[in-house]
Amino acid sequence: MTRIHLIIFGDVQGVGFRAWVQRMAQSMQLTGWVKNRKDGTVELVAEGSEESLKKMFKLCRKGPDIAGIENIQSTWQEKPQEFLAFEIIR
């Protein structure tokens, strides 16, 4: 199972970014989670096919129209499947 771990920088909190990520992930049958971090970034861990994860990465580079993405740190890993659904962590 392929996993991507993203830290997304920019205007990404208070703009519906986590809900948007969850909708995109669910539409691509990805599992994992997304959460706001205290430093103003958003953290995302997703598992699924490499193709779907590449698509998620590209979508996150653009974000929803109201967000302003400045930068993304990404880490790709091969891991055993850990998650059953895609959740927003509060």
N, C-alpha and C. Protein backbone atom coordinates (compact mmCIF):
# COMPACT_ATOMS: atom_id res chain seq x y z
N MET A 1 0.86 -1.18 0.00
CA MET A 1 0.00 0.00 0.00
C MET A 1 0.90 1.23 0.00
N THR A 2 0.56 2.19 -0.84
CA THR A 2 1.31 3.43 -0.91
C THR A 2 0.65 4.47 -0.02
N ARG A 3 1.50 5.26 0.64
CA ARG A 3 1.02 6.30 1.55
C ARG A 3 1.74 7.61 1.23
N ILE A 4 0.99 8.71 1.32
CA ILE A 4 1.59 10.04 1.19
C ILE A 4 1.30 10.82 2.47
N HIS A 5 2.30 11.56 2.91
CA HIS A 5 2.18 12.42 4.08
C HIS A 5 2.49 13.84 3.61
N LEU A 6 1.53 14.74 3.76
CA LEU A 6 1.68 16.11 3.29
C LEU A 6 1.55 17.10 4.44
N ILE A 7 2.35 18.14 4.39
CA ILE A 7 2.17 19.32 5.23
C ILE A 7 1.94 20.46 4.24
N ILE A 8 0.80 21.13 4.37
CA ILE A 8 0.38 22.15 3.39
C ILE A 8 0.44 23.51 4.07
N PHE A 9 1.20 24.40 3.46
CA PHE A 9 1.43 25.74 3.99
C PHE A 9 0.63 26.76 3.19
N GLY A 10 0.22 27.82 3.87
CA GLY A 10 -0.49 28.90 3.20
C GLY A 10 -1.76 29.25 3.96
N ASP A 11 -2.71 29.84 3.25
CA ASP A 11 -4.01 30.19 3.83
C ASP A 11 -4.90 28.96 3.70
N VAL A 12 -4.74 28.03 4.65
CA VAL A 12 -5.42 26.73 4.54
C VAL A 12 -6.30 26.40 5.75
N GLN A 13 -6.34 27.26 6.74
CA GLN A 13 -7.22 27.04 7.89
C GLN A 13 -8.35 28.07 7.86
N GLY A 14 -9.55 27.60 8.22
CA GLY A 14 -10.70 28.49 8.25
C GLY A 14 -11.30 28.75 6.87
N VAL A 15 -10.91 27.93 5.89
CA VAL A 15 -11.41 28.13 4.52
C VAL A 15 -12.06 26.86 3.96
N GLY A 16 -12.35 25.89 4.83
CA GLY A 16 -12.98 24.65 4.38
C GLY A 16 -12.02 23.66 3.73
N PHE A 17 -10.73 23.86 3.95
CA PHE A 17 -9.74 23.02 3.29
C PHE A 17 -9.86 21.55 3.71
N ARG A 18 -10.01 21.28 5.01
CA ARG A 18 -10.09 19.89 5.47
C ARG A 18 -11.31 19.17 4.89
N ALA A 19 -12.45 19.83 4.87
CA ALA A 19 -13.67 19.21 4.31
C ALA A 19 -13.49 18.96 2.82
N TRP A 20 -12.85 19.89 2.13
CA TRP A 20 -12.58 19.71 0.70
C TRP A 20 -11.67 18.51 0.47
N VAL A 21 -10.59 18.40 1.28
CA VAL A 21 -9.67 17.27 1.17
C VAL A 21 -10.43 15.96 1.41
N GLN A 22 -11.27 15.93 2.42
CA GLN A 22 -12.02 14.71 2.72
C GLN A 22 -12.91 14.31 1.53
N ARG A 23 -13.61 15.27 0.94
CA ARG A 23 -14.45 14.96 -0.23
C ARG A 23 -13.61 14.41 -1.39
N MET A 24 -12.48 15.04 -1.67
CA MET A 24 -11.60 14.59 -2.76
C MET A 24 -11.08 13.18 -2.47
N ALA A 25 -10.63 12.95 -1.23
CA ALA A 25 -10.08 11.64 -0.86
C ALA A 25 -11.14 10.55 -0.98
N GLN A 26 -12.33 10.83 -0.49
CA GLN A 26 -13.40 9.83 -0.55
C GLN A 26 -13.78 9.53 -2.00
N SER A 27 -13.78 10.55 -2.85
CA SER A 27 -14.13 10.33 -4.26
C SER A 27 -13.09 9.47 -4.98
N MET A 28 -11.86 9.44 -4.45
CA MET A 28 -10.78 8.63 -5.04
C MET A 28 -10.54 7.34 -4.25
N GLN A 29 -11.40 7.05 -3.30
CA GLN A 29 -11.32 5.85 -2.46
C GLN A 29 -10.01 5.77 -1.69
N LEU A 30 -9.54 6.93 -1.22
CA LEU A 30 -8.36 6.98 -0.36
C LEU A 30 -8.80 6.86 1.09
N THR A 31 -7.94 6.35 1.93
CA THR A 31 -8.17 6.30 3.36
C THR A 31 -7.10 7.11 4.06
N GLY A 32 -7.37 7.53 5.30
CA GLY A 32 -6.39 8.30 6.06
C GLY A 32 -7.05 9.39 6.86
N TRP A 33 -6.37 10.53 6.98
CA TRP A 33 -6.89 11.63 7.79
C TRP A 33 -6.28 12.96 7.37
N VAL A 34 -6.95 14.03 7.81
CA VAL A 34 -6.48 15.40 7.61
C VAL A 34 -6.76 16.18 8.88
N LYS A 35 -5.85 17.08 9.25
CA LYS A 35 -6.06 17.88 10.46
C LYS A 35 -5.35 19.22 10.35
N ASN A 36 -5.88 20.21 11.09
CA ASN A 36 -5.21 21.49 11.26
C ASN A 36 -4.10 21.32 12.29
N ARG A 37 -2.99 22.02 12.07
CA ARG A 37 -1.90 22.02 13.04
C ARG A 37 -1.83 23.39 13.70
N LYS A 38 -1.28 23.43 14.90
CA LYS A 38 -1.19 24.67 15.66
C LYS A 38 -0.38 25.75 14.95
N ASP A 39 0.52 25.37 14.05
CA ASP A 39 1.35 26.35 13.35
C ASP A 39 0.67 26.96 12.12
N GLY A 40 -0.61 26.63 11.90
CA GLY A 40 -1.36 27.21 10.79
C GLY A 40 -1.34 26.39 9.52
N THR A 41 -0.63 25.27 9.53
CA THR A 41 -0.59 24.39 8.37
C THR A 41 -1.68 23.33 8.49
N VAL A 42 -1.84 22.57 7.43
CA VAL A 42 -2.73 21.41 7.43
C VAL A 42 -1.87 20.18 7.14
N GLU A 43 -2.12 19.11 7.91
CA GLU A 43 -1.40 17.85 7.74
C GLU A 43 -2.36 16.81 7.19
N LEU A 44 -1.86 16.01 6.27
CA LEU A 44 -2.67 15.02 5.57
C LEU A 44 -1.88 13.73 5.44
N VAL A 45 -2.49 12.62 5.77
CA VAL A 45 -1.93 11.29 5.52
C VAL A 45 -3.00 10.52 4.75
N ALA A 46 -2.61 9.99 3.59
CA ALA A 46 -3.57 9.25 2.76
C ALA A 46 -2.92 7.99 2.22
N GLU A 47 -3.74 6.94 2.10
CA GLU A 47 -3.31 5.66 1.55
C GLU A 47 -4.21 5.30 0.38
N GLY A 48 -3.61 4.62 -0.58
CA GLY A 48 -4.38 4.18 -1.73
C GLY A 48 -3.46 3.87 -2.89
N SER A 49 -4.02 3.86 -4.08
CA SER A 49 -3.21 3.58 -5.26
C SER A 49 -2.27 4.75 -5.53
N GLU A 50 -1.13 4.46 -6.09
CA GLU A 50 -0.16 5.51 -6.41
C GLU A 50 -0.78 6.56 -7.34
N GLU A 51 -1.57 6.11 -8.29
CA GLU A 51 -2.23 7.03 -9.23
C GLU A 51 -3.16 8.00 -8.50
N SER A 52 -3.97 7.47 -7.59
CA SER A 52 -4.89 8.33 -6.83
C SER A 52 -4.15 9.28 -5.91
N LEU A 53 -3.06 8.81 -5.31
CA LEU A 53 -2.28 9.68 -4.43
C LEU A 53 -1.59 10.80 -5.21
N LYS A 54 -1.12 10.50 -6.40
CA LYS A 54 -0.53 11.55 -7.25
C LYS A 54 -1.58 12.58 -7.61
N LYS A 55 -2.79 12.13 -7.89
CA LYS A 55 -3.89 13.04 -8.19
C LYS A 55 -4.22 13.91 -6.98
N MET A 56 -4.25 13.31 -5.78
CA MET A 56 -4.52 14.06 -4.55
C MET A 56 -3.44 15.12 -4.34
N PHE A 57 -2.19 14.76 -4.56
CA PHE A 57 -1.09 15.72 -4.41
C PHE A 57 -1.29 16.91 -5.35
N LYS A 58 -1.62 16.64 -6.59
CA LYS A 58 -1.84 17.72 -7.56
C LYS A 58 -3.02 18.59 -7.15
N LEU A 59 -4.10 17.97 -6.68
CA LEU A 59 -5.26 18.73 -6.22
C LEU A 59 -4.90 19.62 -5.03
N CYS A 60 -4.11 19.10 -4.10
CA CYS A 60 -3.72 19.88 -2.92
C CYS A 60 -2.81 21.05 -3.30
N ARG A 61 -2.07 20.94 -4.36
CA ARG A 61 -1.22 22.06 -4.80
C ARG A 61 -2.07 23.24 -5.24
N LYS A 62 -3.28 22.96 -5.71
CA LYS A 62 -4.20 24.02 -6.13
C LYS A 62 -5.16 24.38 -4.99
N GLY A 63 -5.74 23.36 -4.34
CA GLY A 63 -6.68 23.57 -3.25
C GLY A 63 -8.02 24.09 -3.74
N PRO A 64 -8.96 24.30 -2.82
CA PRO A 64 -10.23 24.93 -3.20
C PRO A 64 -9.96 26.40 -3.51
N ASP A 65 -10.85 27.02 -4.26
CA ASP A 65 -10.63 28.40 -4.72
C ASP A 65 -10.36 29.39 -3.59
N ILE A 66 -10.95 29.19 -2.44
CA ILE A 66 -10.82 30.14 -1.33
C ILE A 66 -9.48 30.01 -0.59
N ALA A 67 -8.80 28.89 -0.75
CA ALA A 67 -7.51 28.66 -0.07
C ALA A 67 -6.38 29.29 -0.87
N GLY A 68 -5.27 29.53 -0.19
CA GLY A 68 -4.07 30.03 -0.85
C GLY A 68 -2.89 29.14 -0.49
N ILE A 69 -2.51 28.25 -1.38
CA ILE A 69 -1.43 27.29 -1.11
C ILE A 69 -0.09 27.95 -1.44
N GLU A 70 0.81 27.93 -0.45
CA GLU A 70 2.15 28.50 -0.65
C GLU A 70 3.19 27.42 -0.92
N ASN A 71 3.08 26.30 -0.21
CA ASN A 71 4.09 25.26 -0.34
C ASN A 71 3.52 23.95 0.21
N ILE A 72 4.10 22.83 -0.23
CA ILE A 72 3.71 21.52 0.30
C ILE A 72 4.99 20.71 0.52
N GLN A 73 5.11 20.14 1.71
CA GLN A 73 6.16 19.16 1.98
C GLN A 73 5.53 17.78 1.82
N SER A 74 6.18 16.90 1.11
CA SER A 74 5.60 15.57 0.89
C SER A 74 6.61 14.48 1.20
N THR A 75 6.06 13.38 1.72
CA THR A 75 6.83 12.17 1.97
C THR A 75 6.01 11.00 1.45
N TRP A 76 6.63 10.17 0.63
CA TRP A 76 5.97 8.98 0.09
C TRP A 76 6.54 7.76 0.80
N GLN A 77 5.66 6.79 1.12
CA GLN A 77 6.09 5.59 1.82
C GLN A 77 5.32 4.38 1.31
N GLU A 78 5.91 3.22 1.48
CA GLU A 78 5.20 1.96 1.29
C GLU A 78 4.91 1.44 2.69
N LYS A 79 3.65 1.29 3.04
CA LYS A 79 3.24 0.87 4.37
C LYS A 79 2.09 -0.13 4.24
N PRO A 80 1.92 -0.99 5.24
CA PRO A 80 0.70 -1.81 5.25
C PRO A 80 -0.51 -0.93 5.47
N GLN A 81 -1.63 -1.31 4.93
CA GLN A 81 -2.85 -0.51 5.07
C GLN A 81 -3.19 -0.36 6.55
N GLU A 82 -3.37 0.89 6.97
CA GLU A 82 -3.65 1.19 8.37
C GLU A 82 -5.06 1.73 8.60
N PHE A 83 -5.63 2.39 7.61
CA PHE A 83 -6.89 3.12 7.80
C PHE A 83 -8.03 2.45 7.05
N LEU A 84 -9.25 2.64 7.57
CA LEU A 84 -10.45 2.07 6.94
C LEU A 84 -11.28 3.11 6.21
N ALA A 85 -11.12 4.38 6.58
CA ALA A 85 -11.90 5.47 5.99
C ALA A 85 -11.01 6.71 5.94
N PHE A 86 -11.55 7.82 5.42
CA PHE A 86 -10.83 9.08 5.43
C PHE A 86 -11.55 10.02 6.36
N GLU A 87 -10.84 10.49 7.40
CA GLU A 87 -11.46 11.27 8.46
C GLU A 87 -10.82 12.64 8.64
N ILE A 88 -11.60 13.55 9.17
CA ILE A 88 -11.09 14.83 9.63
C ILE A 88 -10.81 14.67 11.11
N ILE A 89 -9.58 14.97 11.51
CA ILE A 89 -9.23 14.92 12.93
C ILE A 89 -9.38 16.34 13.47
N ARG A 90 -10.12 16.48 14.54
CA ARG A 90 -10.36 17.79 15.13
C ARG A 90 -9.49 18.02 16.34
